[in-house]
Amino acid sequence: MTVIGIDLGTTNSAVATTDANGITTTIADRDGSRVIPSVVYFAPDGSAVVGDRAKAMAVLEPERVAMLFKRGMGAPTFLFDESEFSVDGKVWRPEELSSLVLKKLKQMAEEQLGSVSGAIVTVPAYFGELERAATREAAELAGLPILRILNEPTAAAIAHGIDASSRGKTIMVFDLGGGTFDVTVMRVDSEGEMQVLSTGGNHRLGGADFDNEIMQMIAARAQAEANVDIFAEPWAFQDAREKAEDLKKELSTLDTATRPISTGGRPLMFSMTRAEFEASIADTVEDVSDMIEITLGEAEVDAADVDTVLMVGGSSRIPAFSTLLRDMFGKEPTFSRNLDEDVARGASVLAAKIGGQIDPRSELADLAIPKDVASHGLGMTVNDSDDREINGIVVKPGQGVPSKGTQTFYAAADGQTQVLLRINEGDEEDLAYVRQIGEGMAHFGRPVPAGHPIRIDIAYTAEQIVEVYAYDGENNKLIGEVRLERTGSLSGDEKRQALAAIAGTGVQ
C-alpha cells in the first residue's frame, strides 16, 4: 500500500512521500520541479496541461487557461463575475479543474513509486464544509482515494517537527499562501499530542490579492503614460499579472524592483519601492492583525503565552507580516523549513502513519494523530417559539471534532412519511448570516401520526464533513443516514458526466 501527501494549493501544489524509516521526499515532475503551479491549459487536441507550461500559456491563450479555481471550491464557478469557465463547449467547474491537478500529482507520484493507493489532501483550516466536500469530490473524480482531509497549518506543523520538539508548548501557525490565509493556535502536550485550540482566517486572501494591488498600480501607469487599458486585453492583463507576481517576490528582498510591462507598443518600465507596496497592503495587514487577535481570544491564549510563531506559505515571506508578528509577540517568527513544500511533506508523514507504512522502530511510529476543532458553527433550520425560522446551532465553532448535536422534529399531519431538513454553516441564529450547506429528506420509515417524533443527529467528522442520521424519536432506533444534496455540488448525472470527461482528458 503506497500512500502520499498532497498540498492542493490555490497557486501552487506539491506531492510528497514518506518511507518506512520516516524519510520524506517531495516528488519532482519530469522537468525537475517539486512545486507546480495549480494552473490548467486546455490544448486544442483535447489534452489538459498542468503546471509551468500551462501558466506560460496564460499570456498567449488566456481563454483556455484556468487558475485560482480553488477559491471557487464548493460553488459552480470560480470567476469573479460568476460566469462559467468554458473551453470548446465544455464548462469546467472548480472541483473538476482541481481533479486535473490531483490527477497530475498522482501521475508524478506513480512514475516514481508505482501504483498509489491513497492520499491525504490538505485544505485551508478555514475552509467550510462545502469546500471540504468539493475537495473530496475532486479526488474522487481523479481516481484518488482520500485517507483524510488535513488542515494545512497542522500539516506544516508536523513537517516542522512541532510534535517532537515543542512538547508542553503553545504554537501559533501563520499560514499565508497564494490564495488563502489561516491562523491556527495549537498546544502540544507532554506526550507530543497536538491539539488545535482555535483557528481563523480568510480563504479569499493571499498572494494573488497582493498581485492585484500591484496590477492596479501598473494599470494606472499604463493608462497615464501609454493610454493603454491593460484590463481590456487578455494578453496584457496576463502579462501584468506575471510581472506583478515577480515584483512582489523581488520586493521581499530588495527595496526597489523594476519590470517591463507590455502595452502593445513600446514596453513601459514600471518601478516600485517596498514602501509603496507596503502602503498598498496596509489595510490587509491590519485585517490580518485583527484576525490574529480574535483567534488568540477564542483559544483563551495571550500573545505572551505563545512559545513559537511558525510561518508557512510563500506569501509569509513578505516582510510586512514578519514585522507585524514580531511586534505582536515580541519574538522572531520561525519560518517553516521549506515554505512551499512542508504542507505536502507533513501530509505525507501522516499518510504513512495512517496507511501503516511506518516501521515500528521509526521515531514517527509514535506520532500522535492531531486533534482539530470546528472552524465554523453548524446548525439546522428550525422554528422558534414565535414560529420564525432560525438556525438552531448544534456544533459551535472551536468545538473539538468529531462532534455532533441533536434536534427533534415532529410530524405535522397524520400519515406523514418524511421531513425536509436544511443544514447550515455558521453560529448565528439569523439565517441571513449563515450559509446553507444543503438539504435532505429524513424519512420516518413508515406513515406516522401527527406529533410523532423523529430525532436528527447532525455531526462533523474529524475532517469537518457533515453527516446526518435519523432515529425514531419514540424508540431511538436508527432509521438511516440522510442524504444531503449540497448547495452548488454536482448532481448524480453531472458527476457521471464529469467522471467521463476527466477520464477522457489526457493530463500532461
Protein backbone atom coordinates (compact mmCIF):
# COMPACT_ATOMS: atom_id res chain seq x y z
CA MET A 1 0.00 0.00 0.00
CA THR A 2 1.59 3.27 -1.15
CA VAL A 3 0.05 6.47 0.18
CA ILE A 4 1.10 10.04 -0.46
CA GLY A 5 0.57 13.56 0.87
CA ILE A 6 -0.76 16.32 -1.37
CA ASP A 7 -0.87 20.06 -0.91
CA LEU A 8 -3.60 21.13 -3.33
CA GLY A 9 -2.85 24.84 -3.33
CA THR A 10 -4.55 27.88 -4.81
CA THR A 11 -1.49 28.96 -6.77
CA ASN A 12 0.92 26.04 -6.37
CA SER A 13 0.66 22.35 -5.47
CA ALA A 14 3.06 19.64 -4.35
CA VAL A 15 3.12 15.91 -3.61
CA ALA A 16 5.37 14.07 -1.17
CA THR A 17 6.06 10.57 0.09
CA THR A 18 7.41 9.20 3.39
CA ASP A 19 9.17 5.83 3.51
CA ALA A 20 9.12 3.22 6.27
CA ASN A 21 12.08 4.85 8.03
CA GLY A 22 10.36 8.22 8.18
CA ILE A 23 12.37 9.82 5.37
CA THR A 24 10.19 12.29 3.47
CA THR A 25 10.76 13.30 -0.15
CA THR A 26 8.96 15.87 -2.26
CA ILE A 27 8.34 14.33 -5.68
CA ALA A 28 9.50 16.26 -8.76
CA ASP A 29 7.93 16.21 -12.20
CA ARG A 30 9.87 15.32 -15.35
CA ASP A 31 11.21 18.87 -15.57
CA GLY A 32 12.63 18.62 -12.04
CA SER A 33 10.08 20.97 -10.46
CA ARG A 34 8.92 19.93 -6.98
CA VAL A 35 6.29 22.67 -6.81
CA ILE A 36 3.94 23.02 -9.78
CA PRO A 37 1.54 25.88 -10.49
CA SER A 38 -2.13 24.99 -9.95
CA VAL A 39 -2.91 26.09 -13.48
CA VAL A 40 -4.64 24.14 -16.27
CA TYR A 41 -4.32 24.82 -20.00
CA PHE A 42 -6.72 23.05 -22.35
CA ALA A 43 -4.83 22.32 -25.53
CA PRO A 44 -6.69 22.23 -28.88
CA ASP A 45 -6.03 18.46 -29.12
CA GLY A 46 -8.25 17.91 -26.06
CA SER A 47 -5.48 17.28 -23.53
CA ALA A 48 -5.01 19.22 -20.29
CA VAL A 49 -1.60 20.64 -19.48
CA VAL A 50 -0.97 21.26 -15.77
CA GLY A 51 1.85 23.28 -14.24
CA ASP A 52 4.52 25.63 -15.56
CA ARG A 53 3.70 25.10 -19.24
CA ALA A 54 0.04 25.87 -18.55
CA LYS A 55 0.99 29.06 -16.72
CA ALA A 56 3.18 30.13 -19.64
CA MET A 57 0.20 29.77 -22.00
CA ALA A 58 -1.85 32.26 -19.96
CA VAL A 59 -0.37 35.18 -21.92
CA LEU A 60 -0.85 33.55 -25.32
CA GLU A 61 -4.25 31.90 -24.91
CA PRO A 62 -5.78 33.20 -21.66
CA GLU A 63 -9.27 32.00 -22.62
CA ARG A 64 -8.01 28.39 -22.49
CA VAL A 65 -6.25 28.71 -19.13
CA ALA A 66 -7.78 28.26 -15.66
CA MET A 67 -6.12 29.45 -12.45
CA LEU A 68 -7.11 30.36 -8.88
CA PHE A 69 -10.03 27.92 -9.17
CA LYS A 70 -9.51 26.62 -5.63
CA ARG A 71 -11.24 29.80 -4.48
CA GLY A 72 -14.43 28.54 -6.08
CA MET A 73 -14.46 25.10 -4.44
CA GLY A 74 -17.97 24.30 -3.30
CA ALA A 75 -19.52 26.66 -5.86
CA PRO A 76 -20.39 26.27 -9.57
CA THR A 77 -17.73 28.74 -10.73
CA PHE A 78 -14.55 30.45 -9.58
CA LEU A 79 -14.69 33.53 -11.83
CA PHE A 80 -15.24 36.89 -10.12
CA ASP A 81 -18.10 37.85 -12.45
CA GLU A 82 -19.76 34.47 -11.65
CA SER A 83 -19.72 33.47 -15.31
CA GLU A 84 -18.91 29.90 -16.34
CA PHE A 85 -15.41 28.86 -17.38
CA SER A 86 -15.89 27.10 -20.71
CA VAL A 87 -13.45 25.73 -23.29
CA ASP A 88 -14.57 24.20 -26.60
CA GLY A 89 -18.16 24.00 -25.34
CA LYS A 90 -17.29 22.17 -22.11
CA VAL A 91 -17.99 24.00 -18.83
CA TRP A 92 -15.35 23.23 -16.20
CA ARG A 93 -16.26 23.56 -12.53
CA PRO A 94 -13.70 24.20 -9.75
CA GLU A 95 -13.74 20.61 -8.46
CA GLU A 96 -13.24 19.27 -12.00
CA LEU A 97 -10.26 21.57 -12.55
CA SER A 98 -8.86 20.58 -9.16
CA SER A 99 -9.25 16.92 -10.12
CA LEU A 100 -6.96 17.51 -13.12
CA VAL A 101 -4.29 18.92 -10.81
CA LEU A 102 -4.71 15.93 -8.49
CA LYS A 103 -4.50 13.61 -11.48
CA LYS A 104 -1.21 15.24 -12.49
CA LEU A 105 0.22 14.91 -8.96
CA LYS A 106 -0.88 11.26 -8.81
CA GLN A 107 0.86 10.61 -12.15
CA MET A 108 4.06 12.24 -10.85
CA ALA A 109 3.97 10.01 -7.77
CA GLU A 110 3.25 6.82 -9.70
CA GLU A 111 6.15 7.44 -12.10
CA GLN A 112 8.47 7.13 -9.10
CA LEU A 113 6.58 4.93 -6.64
CA GLY A 114 4.40 2.67 -8.76
CA SER A 115 0.68 2.40 -8.04
CA VAL A 116 -0.67 4.85 -5.45
CA SER A 117 -3.47 3.51 -3.27
CA GLY A 118 -4.48 6.67 -1.41
CA ALA A 119 -3.57 10.14 -0.20
CA ILE A 120 -4.04 12.73 2.48
CA VAL A 121 -5.03 16.01 0.82
CA THR A 122 -4.71 19.31 2.65
CA VAL A 123 -7.12 22.23 2.77
CA PRO A 124 -7.02 25.66 4.43
CA ALA A 125 -8.06 25.37 8.08
CA TYR A 126 -10.77 27.94 7.50
CA PHE A 127 -12.35 26.02 4.62
CA GLY A 128 -16.05 25.39 5.17
CA GLU A 129 -17.93 22.12 4.74
CA LEU A 130 -18.87 22.75 1.11
CA GLU A 131 -15.23 23.40 0.16
CA ARG A 132 -14.08 20.27 2.02
CA ALA A 133 -16.78 18.12 0.41
CA ALA A 134 -15.82 19.53 -3.02
CA THR A 135 -12.16 18.61 -2.33
CA ARG A 136 -13.22 15.03 -1.63
CA GLU A 137 -15.26 15.08 -4.83
CA ALA A 138 -12.25 16.35 -6.81
CA ALA A 139 -10.17 13.45 -5.54
CA GLU A 140 -12.94 11.00 -6.46
CA LEU A 141 -13.04 12.42 -9.99
CA ALA A 142 -9.26 12.00 -10.20
CA GLY A 143 -9.47 8.35 -9.12
CA LEU A 144 -7.54 9.10 -5.93
CA PRO A 145 -8.87 7.57 -2.69
CA ILE A 146 -8.58 10.03 0.22
CA LEU A 147 -7.48 8.70 3.59
CA ARG A 148 -8.17 12.02 5.24
CA ILE A 149 -8.52 15.73 4.62
CA LEU A 150 -5.96 17.56 6.75
CA ASN A 151 -5.74 21.25 7.62
CA GLU A 152 -2.71 22.94 6.07
CA PRO A 153 -1.33 24.55 9.27
CA THR A 154 -1.44 21.17 11.04
CA ALA A 155 0.39 19.53 8.14
CA ALA A 156 3.07 22.23 8.21
CA ALA A 157 3.49 21.80 11.97
CA ILE A 158 4.00 18.04 11.53
CA ALA A 159 6.62 18.63 8.81
CA HIS A 160 8.43 21.12 11.01
CA GLY A 161 8.71 18.56 13.80
CA ILE A 162 6.47 20.52 16.16
CA ASP A 163 5.17 17.35 17.82
CA ALA A 164 8.67 16.21 18.80
CA SER A 165 10.44 19.48 19.57
CA SER A 166 7.71 21.51 21.24
CA ARG A 167 6.20 19.34 23.93
CA GLY A 168 4.41 21.36 26.56
CA LYS A 169 4.36 24.45 24.36
CA THR A 170 1.81 26.67 22.61
CA ILE A 171 2.31 27.24 18.88
CA MET A 172 0.71 29.71 16.51
CA VAL A 173 0.89 28.77 12.84
CA PHE A 174 0.66 31.74 10.46
CA ASP A 175 -0.17 30.30 7.05
CA LEU A 176 -0.35 32.83 4.21
CA GLY A 177 -0.29 31.24 0.77
CA GLY A 178 -1.10 32.26 -2.75
CA GLY A 179 -4.83 32.44 -2.22
CA THR A 180 -5.74 31.63 1.39
CA PHE A 181 -4.88 32.78 4.90
CA ASP A 182 -5.09 30.75 8.12
CA VAL A 183 -4.02 31.43 11.67
CA THR A 184 -4.10 28.42 13.99
CA VAL A 185 -3.29 28.19 17.68
CA MET A 186 -2.33 24.73 18.90
CA ARG A 187 -1.00 23.13 22.06
CA VAL A 188 1.44 20.23 22.17
CA ASP A 189 1.17 18.23 25.39
CA SER A 190 3.92 16.39 27.24
CA GLU A 191 3.24 13.24 25.22
CA GLY A 192 3.61 15.05 21.89
CA GLU A 193 -0.11 15.07 21.13
CA MET A 194 -1.15 18.06 19.04
CA GLN A 195 -4.44 19.74 19.98
CA VAL A 196 -5.76 22.64 17.91
CA LEU A 197 -7.26 25.29 20.20
CA SER A 198 -8.69 27.69 17.64
CA THR A 199 -8.45 28.62 14.01
CA GLY A 200 -9.42 31.62 11.92
CA GLY A 201 -8.70 33.05 8.53
CA ASN A 202 -9.93 34.05 5.13
CA HIS A 203 -9.97 31.60 2.22
CA ARG A 204 -10.06 34.53 -0.19
CA LEU A 205 -6.90 36.30 0.94
CA GLY A 206 -3.41 35.54 -0.28
CA GLY A 207 -0.58 36.37 -2.62
CA ALA A 208 -2.92 36.72 -5.61
CA ASP A 209 -4.61 39.65 -3.86
CA PHE A 210 -1.27 41.37 -3.33
CA ASP A 211 -0.53 40.81 -7.01
CA ASN A 212 -3.83 42.54 -7.79
CA GLU A 213 -2.79 45.59 -5.76
CA ILE A 214 0.37 45.89 -7.84
CA MET A 215 -1.61 45.34 -11.03
CA GLN A 216 -3.83 48.30 -10.18
CA MET A 217 -0.73 50.49 -9.95
CA ILE A 218 0.60 49.09 -13.23
CA ALA A 219 -2.75 49.77 -14.89
CA ALA A 220 -2.79 53.37 -13.66
CA ARG A 221 0.72 53.96 -15.03
CA ALA A 222 -0.08 52.29 -18.37
CA GLN A 223 -3.19 54.43 -18.76
CA ALA A 224 -1.43 57.66 -17.81
CA GLU A 225 1.78 57.16 -19.80
CA ALA A 226 0.77 54.96 -22.74
CA ASN A 227 -3.01 55.47 -22.89
CA VAL A 228 -3.46 51.68 -22.69
CA ASP A 229 -6.09 49.84 -20.67
CA ILE A 230 -4.36 46.60 -19.69
CA PHE A 231 -7.65 45.17 -18.38
CA ALA A 232 -9.22 45.43 -21.84
CA GLU A 233 -6.80 43.00 -23.48
CA PRO A 234 -6.49 39.47 -22.01
CA TRP A 235 -2.85 39.14 -23.10
CA ALA A 236 -1.92 42.49 -21.49
CA PHE A 237 -3.79 41.53 -18.34
CA GLN A 238 -1.94 38.21 -18.02
CA ASP A 239 1.42 39.86 -18.74
CA ALA A 240 0.74 42.41 -16.00
CA ARG A 241 -0.28 39.59 -13.61
CA GLU A 242 3.02 37.78 -14.17
CA LYS A 243 5.07 40.96 -13.76
CA ALA A 244 3.15 41.87 -10.59
CA GLU A 245 4.00 38.49 -9.07
CA ASP A 246 7.67 38.96 -9.98
CA LEU A 247 7.72 42.44 -8.44
CA LYS A 248 6.09 41.21 -5.24
CA LYS A 249 8.63 38.43 -4.81
CA GLU A 250 11.58 40.70 -5.53
CA LEU A 251 10.39 43.30 -3.02
CA SER A 252 10.69 40.69 -0.25
CA THR A 253 14.46 41.06 -0.50
CA LEU A 254 15.04 44.39 -2.30
CA ASP A 255 13.93 47.96 -1.64
CA THR A 256 13.07 48.60 -5.33
CA ALA A 257 12.04 46.38 -8.23
CA THR A 258 11.55 47.11 -11.95
CA ARG A 259 9.88 45.17 -14.76
CA PRO A 260 8.98 45.96 -18.41
CA ILE A 261 5.21 45.99 -18.98
CA SER A 262 3.79 45.10 -22.41
CA THR A 263 1.43 47.73 -23.79
CA GLY A 264 1.20 46.67 -27.42
CA GLY A 265 3.85 49.18 -28.41
CA ARG A 266 7.00 50.25 -26.66
CA PRO A 267 7.33 48.44 -23.30
CA LEU A 268 6.67 50.56 -20.22
CA MET A 269 9.30 50.29 -17.49
CA PHE A 270 7.49 50.06 -14.17
CA SER A 271 9.35 50.57 -10.90
CA MET A 272 8.03 50.12 -7.38
CA THR A 273 9.51 50.51 -3.91
CA ARG A 274 8.87 48.25 -0.96
CA ALA A 275 7.42 51.22 0.90
CA GLU A 276 4.88 51.78 -1.90
CA PHE A 277 3.94 48.10 -1.86
CA GLU A 278 3.54 48.00 1.92
CA ALA A 279 1.37 51.13 1.80
CA SER A 280 -0.89 49.42 -0.75
CA ILE A 281 -1.48 46.41 1.53
CA ALA A 282 -1.63 48.31 4.84
CA ASP A 283 -5.37 47.69 5.27
CA THR A 284 -4.87 43.96 4.68
CA VAL A 285 -2.07 43.81 7.25
CA GLU A 286 -4.42 45.45 9.75
CA ASP A 287 -7.15 42.92 8.94
CA VAL A 288 -4.65 40.10 9.48
CA SER A 289 -3.69 41.61 12.83
CA ASP A 290 -7.35 41.70 13.87
CA MET A 291 -7.84 38.07 12.85
CA ILE A 292 -4.84 37.00 14.94
CA GLU A 293 -6.25 38.83 17.98
CA ILE A 294 -9.66 37.17 17.51
CA THR A 295 -8.13 33.71 17.14
CA LEU A 296 -5.96 34.15 20.24
CA GLY A 297 -9.05 35.26 22.15
CA GLU A 298 -11.04 32.20 21.04
CA ALA A 299 -8.14 29.99 22.19
CA GLU A 300 -8.02 31.93 25.50
CA VAL A 301 -4.32 32.48 24.94
CA ASP A 302 -2.36 35.73 25.39
CA ALA A 303 0.35 36.69 22.91
CA ALA A 304 2.91 36.36 25.71
CA ASP A 305 1.89 32.70 26.19
CA VAL A 306 2.76 31.74 22.60
CA ASP A 307 6.13 29.98 22.53
CA THR A 308 6.60 29.73 18.77
CA VAL A 309 5.16 31.59 15.80
CA LEU A 310 5.61 29.32 12.77
CA MET A 311 5.46 30.98 9.35
CA VAL A 312 4.07 28.87 6.50
CA GLY A 313 3.15 29.63 2.88
CA GLY A 314 5.00 31.57 0.20
CA SER A 315 3.37 34.93 0.97
CA SER A 316 4.58 34.83 4.57
CA ARG A 317 7.93 35.90 3.08
CA ILE A 318 6.53 39.44 2.72
CA PRO A 319 8.49 41.46 5.32
CA ALA A 320 5.42 43.42 6.48
CA PHE A 321 3.99 40.29 8.09
CA SER A 322 7.23 39.36 9.87
CA THR A 323 7.30 42.90 11.29
CA LEU A 324 3.66 42.61 12.39
CA LEU A 325 4.23 39.32 14.21
CA ARG A 326 7.49 40.48 15.77
CA ASP A 327 5.69 43.48 17.23
CA MET A 328 2.70 41.44 18.41
CA PHE A 329 4.59 38.57 20.05
CA GLY A 330 7.92 40.15 21.00
CA LYS A 331 9.92 37.39 19.31
CA GLU A 332 11.28 36.47 15.92
CA PRO A 333 8.91 34.31 13.86
CA THR A 334 10.22 30.88 12.92
CA PHE A 335 10.00 30.08 9.23
CA SER A 336 8.96 26.62 8.11
CA ARG A 337 11.96 24.73 6.74
CA ASN A 338 10.55 24.78 3.24
CA LEU A 339 7.66 27.19 2.86
CA ASP A 340 6.49 25.77 -0.46
CA GLU A 341 6.79 22.05 0.30
CA ASP A 342 6.22 21.50 4.02
CA VAL A 343 2.43 21.23 3.80
CA ALA A 344 2.71 18.31 1.35
CA ARG A 345 5.53 16.80 3.38
CA GLY A 346 3.57 16.96 6.62
CA ALA A 347 0.57 15.38 4.89
CA SER A 348 2.76 12.55 3.62
CA VAL A 349 4.11 11.85 7.13
CA LEU A 350 0.59 11.46 8.48
CA ALA A 351 -0.45 9.47 5.40
CA ALA A 352 2.37 6.99 6.01
CA LYS A 353 1.35 6.76 9.66
CA ILE A 354 -2.35 6.17 8.94
CA GLY A 355 -1.55 3.92 5.97
CA GLY A 356 0.64 1.65 8.09
CA GLN A 357 3.83 2.35 6.13
CA ILE A 358 5.99 3.41 9.10
CA ASP A 359 8.45 0.92 10.59
CA PRO A 360 7.57 0.43 14.28
CA ARG A 361 11.19 1.26 15.13
CA SER A 362 11.00 4.66 13.42
CA GLU A 363 10.62 7.77 15.57
CA LEU A 364 7.49 8.57 13.55
CA ALA A 365 5.83 5.42 14.88
CA ASP A 366 4.83 7.39 17.99
CA LEU A 367 3.41 10.33 16.04
CA ALA A 368 0.05 11.28 17.55
CA ILE A 369 -2.92 11.87 15.27
CA PRO A 370 -3.67 15.62 15.54
CA LYS A 371 -6.95 16.68 17.14
CA ASP A 372 -8.74 19.54 15.41
CA VAL A 373 -11.61 21.93 16.08
CA ALA A 374 -14.55 23.10 14.04
CA SER A 375 -13.65 26.21 12.07
CA HIS A 376 -17.34 27.06 11.57
CA GLY A 377 -20.53 26.51 13.52
CA LEU A 378 -23.11 24.00 12.33
CA GLY A 379 -26.89 24.08 12.65
CA MET A 380 -30.29 23.23 11.21
CA THR A 381 -33.20 25.43 10.22
CA VAL A 382 -35.86 25.19 12.95
CA ASN A 383 -38.83 27.25 14.13
CA ASP A 384 -38.53 29.32 17.31
CA SER A 385 -41.30 29.96 19.89
CA ASP A 386 -42.76 32.65 17.60
CA ASP A 387 -42.79 30.17 14.68
CA ARG A 388 -40.00 32.07 12.90
CA GLU A 389 -37.35 30.11 11.05
CA ILE A 390 -33.92 30.36 12.69
CA ASN A 391 -30.62 28.47 12.65
CA GLY A 392 -30.66 26.02 15.55
CA ILE A 393 -26.97 25.68 16.43
CA VAL A 394 -25.79 22.13 17.19
CA VAL A 395 -21.98 22.50 16.91
CA LYS A 396 -20.20 25.69 17.93
CA PRO A 397 -17.03 26.92 16.21
CA GLY A 398 -13.95 25.95 18.19
CA GLN A 399 -15.61 22.76 19.42
CA GLY A 400 -13.47 19.65 19.07
CA VAL A 401 -14.16 17.39 16.09
CA PRO A 402 -15.56 14.84 15.57
CA SER A 403 -18.61 16.33 17.25
CA LYS A 404 -22.39 16.10 16.97
CA GLY A 405 -25.63 17.66 18.09
CA THR A 406 -29.29 16.71 18.03
CA GLN A 407 -32.62 18.23 17.03
CA THR A 408 -36.06 16.62 17.26
CA PHE A 409 -38.81 17.25 14.73
CA TYR A 410 -42.45 16.16 14.82
CA ALA A 411 -44.89 15.02 12.16
CA ALA A 412 -47.28 17.86 11.30
CA ALA A 413 -50.09 15.65 9.98
CA ASP A 414 -51.34 12.07 10.10
CA GLY A 415 -49.73 9.81 7.52
CA GLN A 416 -46.58 11.92 7.15
CA THR A 417 -43.62 9.89 5.90
CA GLN A 418 -40.75 12.39 5.73
CA VAL A 419 -39.49 15.79 6.83
CA LEU A 420 -37.28 18.25 4.95
CA LEU A 421 -34.01 19.19 6.68
CA ARG A 422 -31.91 22.25 5.89
CA ILE A 423 -28.34 22.22 7.20
CA ASN A 424 -26.49 25.50 7.77
CA GLU A 425 -22.92 26.61 8.41
CA GLY A 426 -22.46 29.43 10.89
CA ASP A 427 -23.03 30.29 14.55
CA GLU A 428 -25.70 32.97 14.17
CA GLU A 429 -29.40 32.28 14.71
CA ASP A 430 -30.37 34.72 11.96
CA LEU A 431 -30.49 32.77 8.70
CA ALA A 432 -29.30 35.85 6.81
CA TYR A 433 -25.88 35.44 8.42
CA VAL A 434 -25.30 31.74 7.81
CA ARG A 435 -24.66 29.67 4.69
CA GLN A 436 -26.92 26.80 3.76
CA ILE A 437 -24.85 23.67 3.20
CA GLY A 438 -27.62 21.58 1.74
CA GLU A 439 -30.98 19.90 2.08
CA GLY A 440 -32.09 16.33 2.69
CA MET A 441 -35.23 14.32 3.35
CA ALA A 442 -35.38 12.42 6.64
CA HIS A 443 -37.80 9.51 6.38
CA PHE A 444 -39.90 8.26 9.29
CA GLY A 445 -39.70 4.75 7.83
CA ARG A 446 -43.48 4.46 7.66
CA PRO A 447 -46.55 6.71 7.72
CA VAL A 448 -46.83 8.14 11.24
CA PRO A 449 -49.50 10.05 13.15
CA ALA A 450 -49.26 13.80 13.78
CA GLY A 451 -46.86 14.62 16.58
CA HIS A 452 -44.67 11.52 16.07
CA PRO A 453 -41.05 12.49 16.84
CA ILE A 454 -38.00 11.95 14.66
CA ARG A 455 -34.57 12.60 16.16
CA ILE A 456 -31.92 14.03 13.87
CA ASP A 457 -28.24 13.69 14.72
CA ILE A 458 -26.02 16.07 12.77
CA ALA A 459 -22.27 15.62 13.06
CA TYR A 460 -18.93 16.92 11.92
CA THR A 461 -16.47 14.14 11.15
CA ALA A 462 -12.81 14.66 12.07
CA GLU A 463 -12.45 16.26 8.61
CA GLN A 464 -15.41 18.62 9.21
CA ILE A 465 -17.56 16.83 6.66
CA VAL A 466 -21.24 16.79 7.67
CA GLU A 467 -23.10 13.54 8.28
CA VAL A 468 -26.79 13.37 9.20
CA TYR A 469 -28.67 10.39 10.70
CA ALA A 470 -32.35 9.92 11.52
CA TYR A 471 -33.69 7.97 14.51
CA ASP A 472 -37.24 7.08 15.53
CA GLY A 473 -37.97 9.53 18.33
CA GLU A 474 -40.02 7.01 20.35
CA ASN A 475 -37.64 4.05 20.50
CA ASN A 476 -34.36 5.73 19.39
CA LYS A 477 -33.80 3.11 16.69
CA LEU A 478 -31.70 4.19 13.71
CA ILE A 479 -33.79 4.79 10.60
CA GLY A 480 -30.87 5.60 8.35
CA GLU A 481 -28.44 8.20 7.05
CA VAL A 482 -29.95 11.31 5.49
CA ARG A 483 -28.50 12.02 2.06
CA LEU A 484 -27.67 15.69 1.66
CA GLU A 485 -27.99 17.49 -1.64
CA ARG A 486 -25.24 20.05 -1.13
CA THR A 487 -25.64 23.59 -2.36
CA GLY A 488 -23.74 24.07 -5.62
CA SER A 489 -22.43 20.49 -5.76
CA LEU A 490 -22.57 18.14 -8.71
CA SER A 491 -25.77 16.15 -9.17
CA GLY A 492 -25.58 12.43 -9.83
CA ASP A 493 -25.84 12.91 -13.59
CA GLU A 494 -23.34 15.77 -13.54
CA LYS A 495 -20.87 13.63 -11.59
CA ARG A 496 -21.16 10.78 -14.10
CA GLN A 497 -20.59 13.24 -16.93
CA ALA A 498 -17.62 14.76 -15.10
CA LEU A 499 -16.06 11.34 -14.49
CA ALA A 500 -16.36 10.54 -18.19
CA ALA A 501 -14.94 13.90 -19.27
CA ILE A 502 -11.96 13.69 -16.92
CA ALA A 503 -11.26 10.05 -17.75
CA GLY A 504 -11.12 11.05 -21.42
CA THR A 505 -8.86 14.04 -20.83
CA GLY A 506 -5.18 13.24 -21.06
CA VAL A 507 -3.18 15.14 -18.42
CA GLN A 508 0.34 16.32 -19.19
